[in-house]
Amino acid sequence: MADPTENMVLRTIYLPKELDQQLKAAAIRGDRSKGDVIRELIAAGMKTLGEDKTSYLAPSIPVRTHAVRPTAVKPRLVSKHVKKKKTRALAKA
């Protein structure tokens, strides 16, 4: 049988003591581990914030790169023209 933590990653966080006590109490009331409660709360929070379009957790709108038109049909070598003008201006001075 596969290990239940096989597809999980370990994250270490610091919690204020009061929040940890609330977490512990919720785990005892629900007869669950603190890890289970944390995962459930994170999933619920991600879902709630993901539904808010102003949240940074909301899914982003894909950028349509094919709608961008090129600025110039044929590229121009601007540097040659600029160098000639600068050289002429310096020669006149």
N, C-alpha and C. Protein backbone atom coordinates (compact mmCIF):
# COMPACT_ATOMS: atom_id res chain seq x y z
N MET A 1 0.84 -1.18 0.00
CA MET A 1 0.00 0.00 0.00
C MET A 1 0.89 1.24 0.00
N ALA A 2 0.47 2.27 -0.73
CA ALA A 2 1.26 3.49 -0.87
C ALA A 2 1.20 4.32 0.40
N ASP A 3 2.29 5.02 0.67
CA ASP A 3 2.37 5.92 1.81
C ASP A 3 1.43 7.10 1.57
N PRO A 4 0.56 7.48 2.53
CA PRO A 4 -0.39 8.60 2.30
C PRO A 4 0.29 9.95 2.13
N THR A 5 1.54 10.07 2.57
CA THR A 5 2.25 11.34 2.41
C THR A 5 3.13 11.36 1.17
N GLU A 6 2.97 10.35 0.33
CA GLU A 6 3.83 10.21 -0.86
C GLU A 6 3.78 11.43 -1.77
N ASN A 7 2.60 12.01 -1.97
CA ASN A 7 2.45 13.14 -2.89
C ASN A 7 2.35 14.47 -2.15
N MET A 8 2.98 14.56 -0.99
CA MET A 8 2.92 15.79 -0.20
C MET A 8 4.33 16.36 -0.03
N VAL A 9 4.37 17.66 0.23
CA VAL A 9 5.64 18.32 0.52
C VAL A 9 5.58 18.87 1.95
N LEU A 10 6.72 19.01 2.57
CA LEU A 10 6.81 19.52 3.93
C LEU A 10 7.04 21.02 3.89
N ARG A 11 6.22 21.78 4.60
CA ARG A 11 6.38 23.23 4.74
C ARG A 11 6.46 23.52 6.23
N THR A 12 7.41 24.30 6.62
CA THR A 12 7.57 24.68 8.01
C THR A 12 7.16 26.14 8.16
N ILE A 13 6.24 26.41 9.08
CA ILE A 13 5.78 27.78 9.31
C ILE A 13 5.80 28.08 10.80
N TYR A 14 5.88 29.35 11.12
CA TYR A 14 5.78 29.80 12.51
C TYR A 14 4.38 30.36 12.72
N LEU A 15 3.73 29.91 13.81
CA LEU A 15 2.41 30.40 14.17
C LEU A 15 2.47 31.10 15.52
N PRO A 16 1.69 32.15 15.68
CA PRO A 16 1.59 32.74 17.01
C PRO A 16 1.00 31.70 17.98
N LYS A 17 1.38 31.78 19.25
CA LYS A 17 0.93 30.78 20.23
C LYS A 17 -0.59 30.70 20.30
N GLU A 18 -1.25 31.85 20.24
CA GLU A 18 -2.72 31.86 20.33
C GLU A 18 -3.34 31.12 19.15
N LEU A 19 -2.82 31.34 17.95
CA LEU A 19 -3.33 30.66 16.77
C LEU A 19 -3.08 29.15 16.86
N ASP A 20 -1.93 28.78 17.39
CA ASP A 20 -1.63 27.36 17.54
C ASP A 20 -2.59 26.71 18.55
N GLN A 21 -2.95 27.44 19.60
CA GLN A 21 -3.91 26.90 20.58
C GLN A 21 -5.28 26.71 19.94
N GLN A 22 -5.69 27.67 19.10
CA GLN A 22 -6.96 27.54 18.39
C GLN A 22 -6.93 26.34 17.44
N LEU A 23 -5.80 26.16 16.77
CA LEU A 23 -5.63 25.03 15.86
C LEU A 23 -5.72 23.71 16.61
N LYS A 24 -5.05 23.64 17.75
CA LYS A 24 -5.06 22.43 18.56
C LYS A 24 -6.47 22.12 19.05
N ALA A 25 -7.20 23.15 19.50
CA ALA A 25 -8.58 22.95 19.98
C ALA A 25 -9.48 22.47 18.84
N ALA A 26 -9.32 23.04 17.66
CA ALA A 26 -10.14 22.61 16.51
C ALA A 26 -9.83 21.17 16.14
N ALA A 27 -8.58 20.79 16.22
CA ALA A 27 -8.19 19.41 15.89
C ALA A 27 -8.79 18.44 16.90
N ILE A 28 -8.78 18.80 18.18
CA ILE A 28 -9.36 17.93 19.21
C ILE A 28 -10.87 17.82 19.02
N ARG A 29 -11.54 18.95 18.79
CA ARG A 29 -13.00 18.92 18.58
C ARG A 29 -13.37 18.08 17.37
N GLY A 30 -12.58 18.17 16.32
CA GLY A 30 -12.89 17.43 15.10
C GLY A 30 -12.30 16.03 15.05
N ASP A 31 -11.60 15.64 16.13
CA ASP A 31 -10.94 14.34 16.20
C ASP A 31 -10.06 14.12 14.96
N ARG A 32 -9.26 15.13 14.66
CA ARG A 32 -8.37 15.10 13.51
C ARG A 32 -6.99 15.57 13.94
N SER A 33 -6.02 15.39 13.07
CA SER A 33 -4.67 15.89 13.36
C SER A 33 -4.62 17.38 13.02
N LYS A 34 -3.65 18.08 13.62
CA LYS A 34 -3.47 19.50 13.30
C LYS A 34 -3.10 19.65 11.83
N GLY A 35 -2.35 18.71 11.28
CA GLY A 35 -1.99 18.76 9.87
C GLY A 35 -3.22 18.70 8.97
N ASP A 36 -4.17 17.81 9.33
CA ASP A 36 -5.42 17.72 8.55
C ASP A 36 -6.19 19.03 8.60
N VAL A 37 -6.26 19.64 9.79
CA VAL A 37 -6.98 20.90 9.93
C VAL A 37 -6.30 22.00 9.12
N ILE A 38 -4.98 22.06 9.18
CA ILE A 38 -4.24 23.06 8.42
C ILE A 38 -4.48 22.89 6.92
N ARG A 39 -4.40 21.66 6.42
CA ARG A 39 -4.63 21.42 4.98
C ARG A 39 -6.04 21.81 4.57
N GLU A 40 -7.03 21.48 5.43
CA GLU A 40 -8.42 21.83 5.12
C GLU A 40 -8.62 23.35 5.09
N LEU A 41 -8.03 24.05 6.06
CA LEU A 41 -8.16 25.50 6.10
C LEU A 41 -7.46 26.18 4.92
N ILE A 42 -6.29 25.68 4.55
CA ILE A 42 -5.59 26.26 3.41
C ILE A 42 -6.39 26.04 2.13
N ALA A 43 -6.92 24.83 1.94
CA ALA A 43 -7.71 24.55 0.73
C ALA A 43 -8.95 25.44 0.68
N ALA A 44 -9.64 25.59 1.82
CA ALA A 44 -10.85 26.43 1.85
C ALA A 44 -10.50 27.89 1.58
N GLY A 45 -9.40 28.36 2.17
CA GLY A 45 -8.98 29.75 1.95
C GLY A 45 -8.57 30.01 0.51
N MET A 46 -7.85 29.07 -0.07
CA MET A 46 -7.43 29.21 -1.48
C MET A 46 -8.66 29.25 -2.39
N LYS A 47 -9.65 28.42 -2.09
CA LYS A 47 -10.85 28.39 -2.93
C LYS A 47 -11.62 29.71 -2.80
N THR A 48 -11.80 30.17 -1.57
CA THR A 48 -12.53 31.41 -1.34
C THR A 48 -11.83 32.60 -1.98
N LEU A 49 -10.53 32.72 -1.76
CA LEU A 49 -9.79 33.84 -2.34
C LEU A 49 -9.65 33.71 -3.85
N GLY A 50 -9.64 32.49 -4.36
CA GLY A 50 -9.56 32.28 -5.80
C GLY A 50 -10.81 32.72 -6.53
N GLU A 51 -11.95 32.73 -5.82
CA GLU A 51 -13.21 33.17 -6.42
C GLU A 51 -13.32 34.69 -6.46
N ASP A 52 -12.53 35.39 -5.65
CA ASP A 52 -12.52 36.85 -5.63
C ASP A 52 -11.62 37.34 -6.76
N LYS A 53 -12.19 38.00 -7.75
CA LYS A 53 -11.44 38.41 -8.93
C LYS A 53 -10.35 39.44 -8.62
N THR A 54 -10.45 40.13 -7.47
CA THR A 54 -9.44 41.12 -7.12
C THR A 54 -8.29 40.50 -6.32
N SER A 55 -8.42 39.25 -5.95
CA SER A 55 -7.39 38.59 -5.14
C SER A 55 -6.21 38.16 -6.00
N TYR A 56 -5.04 38.15 -5.41
CA TYR A 56 -3.85 37.67 -6.12
C TYR A 56 -3.90 36.16 -6.34
N LEU A 57 -4.83 35.48 -5.69
CA LEU A 57 -4.98 34.04 -5.89
C LEU A 57 -5.97 33.70 -7.00
N ALA A 58 -6.64 34.71 -7.54
CA ALA A 58 -7.59 34.46 -8.63
C ALA A 58 -6.84 33.98 -9.86
N PRO A 59 -7.44 33.06 -10.60
CA PRO A 59 -6.78 32.60 -11.83
C PRO A 59 -6.58 33.76 -12.78
N SER A 60 -5.42 33.82 -13.38
CA SER A 60 -5.12 34.93 -14.28
C SER A 60 -5.72 34.67 -15.66
N ILE A 61 -5.98 35.74 -16.37
CA ILE A 61 -6.50 35.65 -17.73
C ILE A 61 -5.31 35.41 -18.65
N PRO A 62 -5.37 34.36 -19.48
CA PRO A 62 -4.22 34.10 -20.35
C PRO A 62 -4.00 35.24 -21.34
N VAL A 63 -2.76 35.57 -21.55
CA VAL A 63 -2.40 36.64 -22.48
C VAL A 63 -2.46 36.09 -23.90
N ARG A 64 -3.15 36.82 -24.78
CA ARG A 64 -3.26 36.37 -26.17
C ARG A 64 -2.15 37.03 -26.97
N THR A 65 -1.07 36.32 -27.15
CA THR A 65 0.08 36.90 -27.85
C THR A 65 -0.17 37.03 -29.35
N HIS A 66 -1.06 36.22 -29.90
CA HIS A 66 -1.29 36.29 -31.34
C HIS A 66 -2.06 37.56 -31.73
N ALA A 67 -2.65 38.25 -30.76
CA ALA A 67 -3.40 39.47 -31.07
C ALA A 67 -2.49 40.69 -31.15
N VAL A 68 -1.25 40.55 -30.76
CA VAL A 68 -0.32 41.67 -30.79
C VAL A 68 0.23 41.83 -32.20
N ARG A 69 0.13 43.04 -32.74
CA ARG A 69 0.62 43.30 -34.09
C ARG A 69 2.04 43.82 -34.02
N PRO A 70 2.86 43.49 -34.98
CA PRO A 70 4.23 44.02 -34.98
C PRO A 70 4.21 45.53 -35.19
N THR A 71 5.21 46.21 -34.66
CA THR A 71 5.25 47.67 -34.78
C THR A 71 5.74 48.11 -36.16
N ALA A 72 6.58 47.33 -36.79
CA ALA A 72 7.08 47.66 -38.12
C ALA A 72 7.03 46.41 -38.98
N VAL A 73 6.58 46.57 -40.22
CA VAL A 73 6.50 45.44 -41.13
C VAL A 73 7.90 44.98 -41.50
N LYS A 74 8.76 45.95 -41.85
CA LYS A 74 10.13 45.62 -42.22
C LYS A 74 11.07 46.34 -41.26
N PRO A 75 11.92 45.59 -40.57
CA PRO A 75 12.83 46.26 -39.64
C PRO A 75 13.77 47.22 -40.36
N ARG A 76 14.02 48.37 -39.74
CA ARG A 76 14.93 49.35 -40.31
C ARG A 76 16.18 49.43 -39.45
N LEU A 77 17.29 49.68 -40.08
CA LEU A 77 18.53 49.89 -39.35
C LEU A 77 18.62 51.36 -38.99
N VAL A 78 18.18 51.69 -37.82
CA VAL A 78 18.14 53.08 -37.39
C VAL A 78 19.53 53.57 -37.02
N SER A 79 20.34 52.68 -36.51
CA SER A 79 21.65 53.11 -36.00
C SER A 79 22.51 53.76 -37.08
N LYS A 80 22.46 53.31 -38.34
CA LYS A 80 23.26 53.92 -39.40
C LYS A 80 22.84 55.36 -39.64
N HIS A 81 21.53 55.61 -39.68
CA HIS A 81 21.02 56.95 -39.92
C HIS A 81 21.40 57.88 -38.78
N VAL A 82 21.31 57.41 -37.57
CA VAL A 82 21.63 58.23 -36.41
C VAL A 82 23.11 58.56 -36.40
N LYS A 83 23.96 57.58 -36.70
CA LYS A 83 25.40 57.82 -36.71
C LYS A 83 25.78 58.85 -37.77
N LYS A 84 25.16 58.78 -38.97
CA LYS A 84 25.46 59.74 -40.02
C LYS A 84 25.07 61.15 -39.61
N LYS A 85 23.90 61.31 -39.00
CA LYS A 85 23.44 62.63 -38.56
C LYS A 85 24.36 63.19 -37.49
N LYS A 86 24.78 62.36 -36.54
CA LYS A 86 25.69 62.82 -35.50
C LYS A 86 27.03 63.23 -36.08
N THR A 87 27.54 62.46 -37.03
CA THR A 87 28.82 62.76 -37.66
C THR A 87 28.74 64.09 -38.41
N ARG A 88 27.65 64.29 -39.17
CA ARG A 88 27.46 65.55 -39.90
C ARG A 88 27.35 66.73 -38.94
N ALA A 89 26.63 66.55 -37.85
CA ALA A 89 26.45 67.64 -36.88
C ALA A 89 27.78 68.00 -36.24
N LEU A 90 28.59 67.00 -35.94
CA LEU A 90 29.89 67.26 -35.34
C LEU A 90 30.84 67.93 -36.34
N ALA A 91 30.75 67.54 -37.62
CA ALA A 91 31.62 68.12 -38.65
C ALA A 91 31.29 69.60 -38.88
N LYS A 92 30.01 69.96 -38.78
CA LYS A 92 29.61 71.35 -38.96
C LYS A 92 30.02 72.22 -37.79
N ALA A 93 30.14 71.65 -36.63
CA ALA A 93 30.44 72.44 -35.42
C ALA A 93 31.86 72.88 -35.32
